[in-house]
Amino acid sequence: RCVLKHGPGSLALITTDSYRIGAHEQLKIYGKILSAPVHAVK
């Protein structure tokens, strides 16, 4: 919704989920589709 309303470059994604296997990869897929950066922090 954010990208549709405000355009590319309006969004960034962060994950703090270091417990669930594949959590970062799943978010990276969304980020790639929406052209949004994805960061993992611990």
PDB file of all heavy atoms in Angstrom:
ATOM      1  N   ARG A   1       0.831  -1.215   0.000  1.00  0.00           N
ATOM      2  CA  ARG A   1       0.000   0.000   0.000  1.00  0.00           C
ATOM      3  C   ARG A   1       0.857   1.253   0.000  1.00  0.00           C
ATOM      4  O   ARG A   1       0.553   2.245  -0.662  1.00  0.00           O
ATOM      5  CB  ARG A   1      -0.922   0.001   1.219  1.00  0.00           C
ATOM      6  CG  ARG A   1      -2.112  -0.950   1.115  1.00  0.00           C
ATOM      7  CD  ARG A   1      -2.957  -0.884   2.378  1.00  0.00           C
ATOM      8  NE  ARG A   1      -3.298   0.481   2.704  1.00  0.00           N
ATOM      9  CZ  ARG A   1      -3.486   0.940   3.947  1.00  0.00           C
ATOM     10  NH1 ARG A   1      -3.345   0.130   4.969  1.00  0.00           N
ATOM     11  NH2 ARG A   1      -3.803   2.195   4.151  1.00  0.00           N
ATOM     12  N   CYS A   2       1.950   1.210   0.759  1.00  0.00           N
ATOM     13  CA  CYS A   2       2.835   2.376   0.841  1.00  0.00           C
ATOM     14  C   CYS A   2       3.451   2.696  -0.513  1.00  0.00           C
ATOM     15  O   CYS A   2       3.461   3.850  -0.952  1.00  0.00           O
ATOM     16  CB  CYS A   2       3.927   2.122   1.882  1.00  0.00           C
ATOM     17  SG  CYS A   2       5.136   3.460   2.024  1.00  0.00           S
ATOM     18  N   VAL A   3       3.978   1.677  -1.194  1.00  0.00           N
ATOM     19  CA  VAL A   3       4.627   1.888  -2.482  1.00  0.00           C
ATOM     20  C   VAL A   3       3.622   2.358  -3.536  1.00  0.00           C
ATOM     21  O   VAL A   3       3.909   3.235  -4.354  1.00  0.00           O
ATOM     22  CB  VAL A   3       5.340   0.603  -2.943  1.00  0.00           C
ATOM     23  CG1 VAL A   3       5.850   0.737  -4.377  1.00  0.00           C
ATOM     24  CG2 VAL A   3       6.503   0.297  -2.004  1.00  0.00           C
ATOM     25  N   LEU A   4       2.416   1.791  -3.500  1.00  0.00           N
ATOM     26  CA  LEU A   4       1.381   2.217  -4.445  1.00  0.00           C
ATOM     27  C   LEU A   4       0.980   3.674  -4.216  1.00  0.00           C
ATOM     28  O   LEU A   4       0.720   4.417  -5.163  1.00  0.00           O
ATOM     29  CB  LEU A   4       0.147   1.319  -4.321  1.00  0.00           C
ATOM     30  CG  LEU A   4       0.255  -0.086  -4.911  1.00  0.00           C
ATOM     31  CD1 LEU A   4      -0.965  -0.915  -4.544  1.00  0.00           C
ATOM     32  CD2 LEU A   4       0.418  -0.008  -6.425  1.00  0.00           C
ATOM     33  N   LYS A   5       0.938   4.090  -2.950  1.00  0.00           N
ATOM     34  CA  LYS A   5       0.471   5.437  -2.621  1.00  0.00           C
ATOM     35  C   LYS A   5       1.565   6.487  -2.709  1.00  0.00           C
ATOM     36  O   LYS A   5       1.340   7.604  -3.184  1.00  0.00           O
ATOM     37  CB  LYS A   5      -0.130   5.454  -1.213  1.00  0.00           C
ATOM     38  CG  LYS A   5      -0.763   6.779  -0.825  1.00  0.00           C
ATOM     39  CD  LYS A   5      -1.535   6.662   0.486  1.00  0.00           C
ATOM     40  CE  LYS A   5      -2.264   7.970   0.805  1.00  0.00           C
ATOM     41  NZ  LYS A   5      -3.068   7.852   2.039  1.00  0.00           N
ATOM     42  N   HIS A   6       2.767   6.130  -2.265  1.00  0.00           N
ATOM     43  CA  HIS A   6       3.837   7.123  -2.170  1.00  0.00           C
ATOM     44  C   HIS A   6       4.992   6.874  -3.127  1.00  0.00           C
ATOM     45  O   HIS A   6       5.910   7.698  -3.209  1.00  0.00           O
ATOM     46  CB  HIS A   6       4.361   7.171  -0.732  1.00  0.00           C
ATOM     47  CG  HIS A   6       3.323   7.517   0.273  1.00  0.00           C
ATOM     48  ND1 HIS A   6       2.824   8.801   0.435  1.00  0.00           N
ATOM     49  CD2 HIS A   6       2.653   6.748   1.180  1.00  0.00           C
ATOM     50  CE1 HIS A   6       1.919   8.809   1.403  1.00  0.00           C
ATOM     51  NE2 HIS A   6       1.795   7.579   1.870  1.00  0.00           N
ATOM     52  N   GLY A   7       4.973   5.753  -3.836  1.00  0.00           N
ATOM     53  CA  GLY A   7       5.975   5.488  -4.851  1.00  0.00           C
ATOM     54  C   GLY A   7       7.217   4.788  -4.326  1.00  0.00           C
ATOM     55  O   GLY A   7       7.435   4.691  -3.116  1.00  0.00           O
ATOM     56  N   PRO A   8       8.047   4.297  -5.242  1.00  0.00           N
ATOM     57  CA  PRO A   8       9.303   3.643  -4.856  1.00  0.00           C
ATOM     58  C   PRO A   8      10.189   4.606  -4.063  1.00  0.00           C
ATOM     59  O   PRO A   8      10.170   5.810  -4.285  1.00  0.00           O
ATOM     60  CB  PRO A   8       9.939   3.293  -6.209  1.00  0.00           C
ATOM     61  CG  PRO A   8       8.806   3.285  -7.183  1.00  0.00           C
ATOM     62  CD  PRO A   8       7.848   4.329  -6.698  1.00  0.00           C
ATOM     63  N   GLY A   9      10.955   4.069  -3.154  1.00  0.00           N
ATOM     64  CA  GLY A   9      11.834   4.906  -2.340  1.00  0.00           C
ATOM     65  C   GLY A   9      11.182   5.427  -1.086  1.00  0.00           C
ATOM     66  O   GLY A   9      11.829   6.095  -0.270  1.00  0.00           O
ATOM     67  N   SER A  10       9.890   5.118  -0.900  1.00  0.00           N
ATOM     68  CA  SER A  10       9.177   5.612   0.283  1.00  0.00           C
ATOM     69  C   SER A  10       9.192   4.617   1.436  1.00  0.00           C
ATOM     70  O   SER A  10       8.683   4.900   2.519  1.00  0.00           O
ATOM     71  CB  SER A  10       7.720   5.926  -0.082  1.00  0.00           C
ATOM     72  OG  SER A  10       7.037   4.739  -0.503  1.00  0.00           O
ATOM     73  N   LEU A  11       9.790   3.438   1.204  1.00  0.00           N
ATOM     74  CA  LEU A  11       9.649   2.326   2.141  1.00  0.00           C
ATOM     75  C   LEU A  11      10.988   1.658   2.424  1.00  0.00           C
ATOM     76  O   LEU A  11      11.843   1.545   1.545  1.00  0.00           O
ATOM     77  CB  LEU A  11       8.689   1.285   1.547  1.00  0.00           C
ATOM     78  CG  LEU A  11       8.566  -0.063   2.247  1.00  0.00           C
ATOM     79  CD1 LEU A  11       7.764   0.082   3.534  1.00  0.00           C
ATOM     80  CD2 LEU A  11       7.926  -1.083   1.318  1.00  0.00           C
ATOM     81  N   ALA A  12      11.135   1.205   3.680  1.00  0.00           N
ATOM     82  CA  ALA A  12      12.258   0.348   4.055  1.00  0.00           C
ATOM     83  C   ALA A  12      11.745  -0.717   5.009  1.00  0.00           C
ATOM     84  O   ALA A  12      10.811  -0.484   5.784  1.00  0.00           O
ATOM     85  CB  ALA A  12      13.376   1.152   4.703  1.00  0.00           C
ATOM     86  N   LEU A  13      12.351  -1.893   4.952  1.00  0.00           N
ATOM     87  CA  LEU A  13      11.949  -3.023   5.786  1.00  0.00           C
ATOM     88  C   LEU A  13      13.119  -3.472   6.656  1.00  0.00           C
ATOM     89  O   LEU A  13      14.260  -3.505   6.198  1.00  0.00           O
ATOM     90  CB  LEU A  13      11.469  -4.194   4.925  1.00  0.00           C
ATOM     91  CG  LEU A  13      10.322  -3.902   3.949  1.00  0.00           C
ATOM     92  CD1 LEU A  13      10.062  -5.119   3.067  1.00  0.00           C
ATOM     93  CD2 LEU A  13       9.067  -3.493   4.684  1.00  0.00           C
ATOM     94  N   ILE A  14      12.800  -3.807   7.908  1.00  0.00           N
ATOM     95  CA  ILE A  14      13.808  -4.287   8.855  1.00  0.00           C
ATOM     96  C   ILE A  14      13.253  -5.527   9.537  1.00  0.00           C
ATOM     97  O   ILE A  14      12.056  -5.609   9.834  1.00  0.00           O
ATOM     98  CB  ILE A  14      14.122  -3.216   9.922  1.00  0.00           C
ATOM     99  CG1 ILE A  14      14.695  -1.951   9.280  1.00  0.00           C
ATOM    100  CG2 ILE A  14      15.097  -3.750  10.965  1.00  0.00           C
ATOM    101  CD1 ILE A  14      14.905  -0.801  10.267  1.00  0.00           C
ATOM    102  N   THR A  15      14.111  -6.499   9.786  1.00  0.00           N
ATOM    103  CA  THR A  15      13.698  -7.662  10.573  1.00  0.00           C
ATOM    104  C   THR A  15      14.624  -7.823  11.769  1.00  0.00           C
ATOM    105  O   THR A  15      15.840  -7.674  11.652  1.00  0.00           O
ATOM    106  CB  THR A  15      13.683  -8.960   9.740  1.00  0.00           C
ATOM    107  OG1 THR A  15      13.302 -10.047  10.591  1.00  0.00           O
ATOM    108  CG2 THR A  15      15.037  -9.256   9.138  1.00  0.00           C
ATOM    109  N   THR A  16      14.029  -8.109  12.915  1.00  0.00           N
ATOM    110  CA  THR A  16      14.802  -8.446  14.111  1.00  0.00           C
ATOM    111  C   THR A  16      14.647  -9.926  14.435  1.00  0.00           C
ATOM    112  O   THR A  16      15.087 -10.386  15.478  1.00  0.00           O
ATOM    113  CB  THR A  16      14.331  -7.621  15.329  1.00  0.00           C
ATOM    114  OG1 THR A  16      12.989  -8.000  15.672  1.00  0.00           O
ATOM    115  CG2 THR A  16      14.373  -6.132  15.040  1.00  0.00           C
ATOM    116  N   ASP A  17      13.991 -10.653  13.518  1.00  0.00           N
ATOM    117  CA  ASP A  17      13.689 -12.071  13.738  1.00  0.00           C
ATOM    118  C   ASP A  17      14.879 -12.934  13.352  1.00  0.00           C
ATOM    119  O   ASP A  17      15.061 -13.289  12.183  1.00  0.00           O
ATOM    120  CB  ASP A  17      12.452 -12.473  12.931  1.00  0.00           C
ATOM    121  CG  ASP A  17      11.965 -13.878  13.262  1.00  0.00           C
ATOM    122  OD1 ASP A  17      12.660 -14.571  14.032  1.00  0.00           O
ATOM    123  OD2 ASP A  17      10.896 -14.262  12.767  1.00  0.00           O
ATOM    124  N   SER A  18      15.688 -13.274  14.346  1.00  0.00           N
ATOM    125  CA  SER A  18      16.838 -14.137  14.099  1.00  0.00           C
ATOM    126  C   SER A  18      16.564 -15.571  14.556  1.00  0.00           C
ATOM    127  O   SER A  18      17.452 -16.422  14.531  1.00  0.00           O
ATOM    128  CB  SER A  18      18.076 -13.600  14.834  1.00  0.00           C
ATOM    129  OG  SER A  18      17.828 -13.504  16.228  1.00  0.00           O
ATOM    130  N   TYR A  19      15.316 -15.829  14.971  1.00  0.00           N
ATOM    131  CA  TYR A  19      14.956 -17.148  15.493  1.00  0.00           C
ATOM    132  C   TYR A  19      14.355 -18.044  14.414  1.00  0.00           C
ATOM    133  O   TYR A  19      14.652 -19.227  14.339  1.00  0.00           O
ATOM    134  CB  TYR A  19      13.947 -17.014  16.642  1.00  0.00           C
ATOM    135  CG  TYR A  19      14.471 -16.208  17.805  1.00  0.00           C
ATOM    136  CD1 TYR A  19      14.088 -14.886  17.978  1.00  0.00           C
ATOM    137  CD2 TYR A  19      15.332 -16.761  18.745  1.00  0.00           C
ATOM    138  CE1 TYR A  19      14.554 -14.131  19.043  1.00  0.00           C
ATOM    139  CE2 TYR A  19      15.811 -16.025  19.817  1.00  0.00           C
ATOM    140  CZ  TYR A  19      15.411 -14.702  19.960  1.00  0.00           C
ATOM    141  OH  TYR A  19      15.884 -13.970  21.014  1.00  0.00           O
ATOM    142  N   ARG A  20      13.499 -17.461  13.577  1.00  0.00           N
ATOM    143  CA  ARG A  20      12.759 -18.269  12.609  1.00  0.00           C
ATOM    144  C   ARG A  20      13.587 -18.470  11.338  1.00  0.00           C
ATOM    145  O   ARG A  20      14.055 -17.492  10.731  1.00  0.00           O
ATOM    146  CB  ARG A  20      11.419 -17.600  12.288  1.00  0.00           C
ATOM    147  CG  ARG A  20      10.491 -18.397  11.405  1.00  0.00           C
ATOM    148  CD  ARG A  20       9.078 -17.835  11.501  1.00  0.00           C
ATOM    149  NE  ARG A  20       9.065 -16.407  11.246  1.00  0.00           N
ATOM    150  CZ  ARG A  20       8.806 -15.868  10.048  1.00  0.00           C
ATOM    151  NH1 ARG A  20       8.551 -16.649   9.013  1.00  0.00           N
ATOM    152  NH2 ARG A  20       8.795 -14.564   9.891  1.00  0.00           N
ATOM    153  N   ILE A  21      13.754 -19.706  10.929  1.00  0.00           N
ATOM    154  CA  ILE A  21      14.524 -20.018   9.730  1.00  0.00           C
ATOM    155  C   ILE A  21      13.825 -19.431   8.501  1.00  0.00           C
ATOM    156  O   ILE A  21      12.640 -19.640   8.276  1.00  0.00           O
ATOM    157  CB  ILE A  21      14.679 -21.545   9.568  1.00  0.00           C
ATOM    158  CG1 ILE A  21      15.467 -22.120  10.739  1.00  0.00           C
ATOM    159  CG2 ILE A  21      15.360 -21.885   8.247  1.00  0.00           C
ATOM    160  CD1 ILE A  21      15.552 -23.631  10.738  1.00  0.00           C
ATOM    161  N   GLY A  22      14.574 -18.674   7.721  1.00  0.00           N
ATOM    162  CA  GLY A  22      14.021 -18.113   6.493  1.00  0.00           C
ATOM    163  C   GLY A  22      13.290 -16.804   6.656  1.00  0.00           C
ATOM    164  O   GLY A  22      12.751 -16.272   5.671  1.00  0.00           O
ATOM    165  N   ALA A  23      13.242 -16.260   7.861  1.00  0.00           N
ATOM    166  CA  ALA A  23      12.491 -15.020   8.090  1.00  0.00           C
ATOM    167  C   ALA A  23      13.065 -13.869   7.271  1.00  0.00           C
ATOM    168  O   ALA A  23      12.323 -13.112   6.634  1.00  0.00           O
ATOM    169  CB  ALA A  23      12.506 -14.674   9.578  1.00  0.00           C
ATOM    170  N   HIS A  24      14.398 -13.737   7.265  1.00  0.00           N
ATOM    171  CA  HIS A  24      15.035 -12.665   6.519  1.00  0.00           C
ATOM    172  C   HIS A  24      14.834 -12.847   5.023  1.00  0.00           C
ATOM    173  O   HIS A  24      14.550 -11.889   4.289  1.00  0.00           O
ATOM    174  CB  HIS A  24      16.534 -12.611   6.853  1.00  0.00           C
ATOM    175  CG  HIS A  24      17.249 -11.449   6.237  1.00  0.00           C
ATOM    176  ND1 HIS A  24      18.595 -11.445   5.984  1.00  0.00           N
ATOM    177  CD2 HIS A  24      16.775 -10.255   5.802  1.00  0.00           C
ATOM    178  CE1 HIS A  24      18.936 -10.301   5.435  1.00  0.00           C
ATOM    179  NE2 HIS A  24      17.849  -9.558   5.313  1.00  0.00           N
ATOM    180  N   GLU A  25      14.956 -14.082   4.543  1.00  0.00           N
ATOM    181  CA  GLU A  25      14.799 -14.355   3.117  1.00  0.00           C
ATOM    182  C   GLU A  25      13.387 -14.026   2.635  1.00  0.00           C
ATOM    183  O   GLU A  25      13.199 -13.507   1.535  1.00  0.00           O
ATOM    184  CB  GLU A  25      15.119 -15.829   2.828  1.00  0.00           C
ATOM    185  CG  GLU A  25      16.594 -16.184   2.874  1.00  0.00           C
ATOM    186  CD  GLU A  25      17.177 -16.127   4.279  1.00  0.00           C
ATOM    187  OE1 GLU A  25      16.385 -16.222   5.238  1.00  0.00           O
ATOM    188  OE2 GLU A  25      18.405 -15.980   4.417  1.00  0.00           O
ATOM    189  N   GLN A  26      12.395 -14.338   3.467  1.00  0.00           N
ATOM    190  CA  GLN A  26      11.015 -14.036   3.098  1.00  0.00           C
ATOM    191  C   GLN A  26      10.811 -12.545   2.953  1.00  0.00           C
ATOM    192  O   GLN A  26      10.174 -12.067   2.004  1.00  0.00           O
ATOM    193  CB  GLN A  26      10.061 -14.594   4.157  1.00  0.00           C
ATOM    194  CG  GLN A  26       8.587 -14.459   3.778  1.00  0.00           C
ATOM    195  CD  GLN A  26       7.677 -15.075   4.827  1.00  0.00           C
ATOM    196  OE1 GLN A  26       8.121 -15.506   5.877  1.00  0.00           O
ATOM    197  NE2 GLN A  26       6.390 -15.113   4.538  1.00  0.00           N
ATOM    198  N   LEU A  27      11.369 -11.766   3.871  1.00  0.00           N
ATOM    199  CA  LEU A  27      11.233 -10.312   3.807  1.00  0.00           C
ATOM    200  C   LEU A  27      12.013  -9.759   2.611  1.00  0.00           C
ATOM    201  O   LEU A  27      11.576  -8.788   1.979  1.00  0.00           O
ATOM    202  CB  LEU A  27      11.727  -9.681   5.112  1.00  0.00           C
ATOM    203  CG  LEU A  27      11.077  -8.345   5.496  1.00  0.00           C
ATOM    204  CD1 LEU A  27       9.584  -8.529   5.733  1.00  0.00           C
ATOM    205  CD2 LEU A  27      11.741  -7.765   6.743  1.00  0.00           C
ATOM    206  N   LYS A  28      13.152 -10.374   2.281  1.00  0.00           N
ATOM    207  CA  LYS A  28      13.947  -9.927   1.137  1.00  0.00           C
ATOM    208  C   LYS A  28      13.171 -10.088  -0.165  1.00  0.00           C
ATOM    209  O   LYS A  28      13.294  -9.272  -1.078  1.00  0.00           O
ATOM    210  CB  LYS A  28      15.258 -10.709   1.067  1.00  0.00           C
ATOM    211  CG  LYS A  28      16.312 -10.247   2.066  1.00  0.00           C
ATOM    212  CD  LYS A  28      17.570 -11.105   1.991  1.00  0.00           C
ATOM    213  CE  LYS A  28      18.282 -10.936   0.668  1.00  0.00           C
ATOM    214  NZ  LYS A  28      19.557 -11.699   0.637  1.00  0.00           N
ATOM    215  N   ILE A  29      12.358 -11.138  -0.234  1.00  0.00           N
ATOM    216  CA  ILE A  29      11.534 -11.340  -1.433  1.00  0.00           C
ATOM    217  C   ILE A  29      10.547 -10.190  -1.588  1.00  0.00           C
ATOM    218  O   ILE A  29      10.385  -9.621  -2.682  1.00  0.00           O
ATOM    219  CB  ILE A  29      10.804 -12.688  -1.354  1.00  0.00           C
ATOM    220  CG1 ILE A  29      11.802 -13.844  -1.445  1.00  0.00           C
ATOM    221  CG2 ILE A  29       9.774 -12.805  -2.482  1.00  0.00           C
ATOM    222  CD1 ILE A  29      11.187 -15.211  -1.192  1.00  0.00           C
ATOM    223  N   TYR A  30       9.889  -9.824  -0.499  1.00  0.00           N
ATOM    224  CA  TYR A  30       8.953  -8.699  -0.544  1.00  0.00           C
ATOM    225  C   TYR A  30       9.682  -7.420  -0.927  1.00  0.00           C
ATOM    226  O   TYR A  30       9.193  -6.612  -1.723  1.00  0.00           O
ATOM    227  CB  TYR A  30       8.261  -8.512   0.811  1.00  0.00           C
ATOM    228  CG  TYR A  30       7.353  -9.645   1.217  1.00  0.00           C
ATOM    229  CD1 TYR A  30       7.292 -10.064   2.539  1.00  0.00           C
ATOM    230  CD2 TYR A  30       6.542 -10.281   0.297  1.00  0.00           C
ATOM    231  CE1 TYR A  30       6.449 -11.106   2.926  1.00  0.00           C
ATOM    232  CE2 TYR A  30       5.708 -11.322   0.662  1.00  0.00           C
ATOM    233  CZ  TYR A  30       5.665 -11.729   1.985  1.00  0.00           C
ATOM    234  OH  TYR A  30       4.835 -12.751   2.360  1.00  0.00           O
ATOM    235  N   GLY A  31      10.870  -7.216  -0.328  1.00  0.00           N
ATOM    236  CA  GLY A  31      11.632  -6.016  -0.621  1.00  0.00           C
ATOM    237  C   GLY A  31      12.036  -5.929  -2.086  1.00  0.00           C
ATOM    238  O   GLY A  31      11.988  -4.848  -2.693  1.00  0.00           O
ATOM    239  N   LYS A  32      12.422  -7.066  -2.668  1.00  0.00           N
ATOM    240  CA  LYS A  32      12.814  -7.080  -4.074  1.00  0.00           C
ATOM    241  C   LYS A  32      11.635  -6.736  -4.977  1.00  0.00           C
ATOM    242  O   LYS A  32      11.779  -5.969  -5.936  1.00  0.00           O
ATOM    243  CB  LYS A  32      13.371  -8.459  -4.435  1.00  0.00           C
ATOM    244  CG  LYS A  32      13.921  -8.555  -5.852  1.00  0.00           C
ATOM    245  CD  LYS A  32      14.539  -9.926  -6.103  1.00  0.00           C
ATOM    246  CE  LYS A  32      15.119 -10.001  -7.512  1.00  0.00           C
ATOM    247  NZ  LYS A  32      15.736 -11.338  -7.772  1.00  0.00           N
ATOM    248  N   ILE A  33      10.472  -7.288  -4.655  1.00  0.00           N
ATOM    249  CA  ILE A  33       9.275  -7.008  -5.458  1.00  0.00           C
ATOM    250  C   ILE A  33       8.916  -5.530  -5.398  1.00  0.00           C
ATOM    251  O   ILE A  33       8.515  -4.917  -6.395  1.00  0.00           O
ATOM    252  CB  ILE A  33       8.092  -7.867  -4.964  1.00  0.00           C
ATOM    253  CG1 ILE A  33       8.360  -9.341  -5.235  1.00  0.00           C
ATOM    254  CG2 ILE A  33       6.790  -7.437  -5.637  1.00  0.00           C
ATOM    255  CD1 ILE A  33       7.345 -10.268  -4.609  1.00  0.00           C
ATOM    256  N   LEU A  34       9.080  -4.925  -4.221  1.00  0.00           N
ATOM    257  CA  LEU A  34       8.664  -3.527  -4.009  1.00  0.00           C
ATOM    258  C   LEU A  34       9.822  -2.543  -4.165  1.00  0.00           C
ATOM    259  O   LEU A  34       9.635  -1.347  -3.936  1.00  0.00           O
ATOM    260  CB  LEU A  34       8.060  -3.390  -2.604  1.00  0.00           C
ATOM    261  CG  LEU A  34       6.811  -4.230  -2.336  1.00  0.00           C
ATOM    262  CD1 LEU A  34       6.451  -4.192  -0.855  1.00  0.00           C
ATOM    263  CD2 LEU A  34       5.645  -3.743  -3.177  1.00  0.00           C
ATOM    264  N   SER A  35      10.993  -3.033  -4.545  1.00  0.00           N
ATOM    265  CA  SER A  35      12.183  -2.182  -4.693  1.00  0.00           C
ATOM    266  C   SER A  35      12.480  -1.416  -3.411  1.00  0.00           C
ATOM    267  O   SER A  35      12.775  -0.221  -3.421  1.00  0.00           O
ATOM    268  CB  SER A  35      11.996  -1.198  -5.863  1.00  0.00           C
ATOM    269  OG  SER A  35      11.797  -1.888  -7.074  1.00  0.00           O
ATOM    270  N   ALA A  36      12.388  -2.131  -2.277  1.00  0.00           N
ATOM    271  CA  ALA A  36      12.632  -1.520  -0.968  1.00  0.00           C
ATOM    272  C   ALA A  36      13.818  -2.207  -0.298  1.00  0.00           C
ATOM    273  O   ALA A  36      13.953  -3.432  -0.383  1.00  0.00           O
ATOM    274  CB  ALA A  36      11.401  -1.635  -0.078  1.00  0.00           C
ATOM    275  N   PRO A  37      14.687  -1.450   0.368  1.00  0.00           N
ATOM    276  CA  PRO A  37      15.816  -2.080   1.072  1.00  0.00           C
ATOM    277  C   PRO A  37      15.339  -2.895   2.261  1.00  0.00           C
ATOM    278  O   PRO A  37      14.353  -2.548   2.915  1.00  0.00           O
ATOM    279  CB  PRO A  37      16.653  -0.875   1.526  1.00  0.00           C
ATOM    280  CG  PRO A  37      15.668   0.254   1.623  1.00  0.00           C
ATOM    281  CD  PRO A  37      14.666   0.009   0.531  1.00  0.00           C
ATOM    282  N   VAL A  38      16.037  -3.981   2.528  1.00  0.00           N
ATOM    283  CA  VAL A  38      15.710  -4.864   3.657  1.00  0.00           C
ATOM    284  C   VAL A  38      16.966  -5.023   4.510  1.00  0.00           C
ATOM    285  O   VAL A  38      18.041  -5.322   4.000  1.00  0.00           O
ATOM    286  CB  VAL A  38      15.221  -6.240   3.178  1.00  0.00           C
ATOM    287  CG1 VAL A  38      14.930  -7.147   4.374  1.00  0.00           C
ATOM    288  CG2 VAL A  38      13.980  -6.093   2.304  1.00  0.00           C
ATOM    289  N   HIS A  39      16.827  -4.812   5.817  1.00  0.00           N
ATOM    290  CA  HIS A  39      17.947  -4.912   6.728  1.00  0.00           C
ATOM    291  C   HIS A  39      17.621  -5.895   7.845  1.00  0.00           C
ATOM    292  O   HIS A  39      16.491  -5.923   8.343  1.00  0.00           O
ATOM    293  CB  HIS A  39      18.273  -3.544   7.348  1.00  0.00           C
ATOM    294  CG  HIS A  39      18.576  -2.481   6.336  1.00  0.00           C
ATOM    295  ND1 HIS A  39      19.845  -2.239   5.867  1.00  0.00           N
ATOM    296  CD2 HIS A  39      17.747  -1.600   5.699  1.00  0.00           C
ATOM    297  CE1 HIS A  39      19.807  -1.257   4.990  1.00  0.00           C
ATOM    298  NE2 HIS A  39      18.548  -0.853   4.859  1.00  0.00           N
ATOM    299  N   ALA A  40      18.598  -6.674   8.256  1.00  0.00           N
ATOM    300  CA  ALA A  40      18.457  -7.578   9.397  1.00  0.00           C
ATOM    301  C   ALA A  40      19.313  -7.045  10.538  1.00  0.00           C
ATOM    302  O   ALA A  40      20.492  -6.731  10.341  1.00  0.00           O
ATOM    303  CB  ALA A  40      18.898  -8.984   9.030  1.00  0.00           C
ATOM    304  N   VAL A  41      18.725  -6.911  11.725  1.00  0.00           N
ATOM    305  CA  VAL A  41      19.461  -6.416  12.889  1.00  0.00           C
ATOM    306  C   VAL A  41      19.304  -7.400  14.040  1.00  0.00           C
ATOM    307  O   VAL A  41      18.303  -8.094  14.153  1.00  0.00           O
ATOM    308  CB  VAL A  41      18.975  -5.010  13.316  1.00  0.00           C
ATOM    309  CG1 VAL A  41      19.141  -4.017  12.180  1.00  0.00           C
ATOM    310  CG2 VAL A  41      17.515  -5.047  13.764  1.00  0.00           C
ATOM    311  N   LYS A  42      20.322  -7.442  14.901  1.00  0.00           N
ATOM    312  CA  LYS A  42      20.312  -8.382  16.010  1.00  0.00           C
ATOM    313  C   LYS A  42      20.285  -7.710  17.372  1.00  0.00           C
ATOM    314  O   LYS A  42      19.973  -8.362  18.378  1.00  0.00           O
ATOM    315  CB  LYS A  42      21.537  -9.300  15.926  1.00  0.00           C
ATOM    316  CG  LYS A  42      21.561 -10.182  14.695  1.00  0.00           C
ATOM    317  CD  LYS A  42      22.810 -11.054  14.685  1.00  0.00           C
ATOM    318  CE  LYS A  42      22.862 -11.933  13.443  1.00  0.00           C
ATOM    319  NZ  LYS A  42      24.107 -12.757  13.414  1.00  0.00           N
TER     320      LYS A  42
END
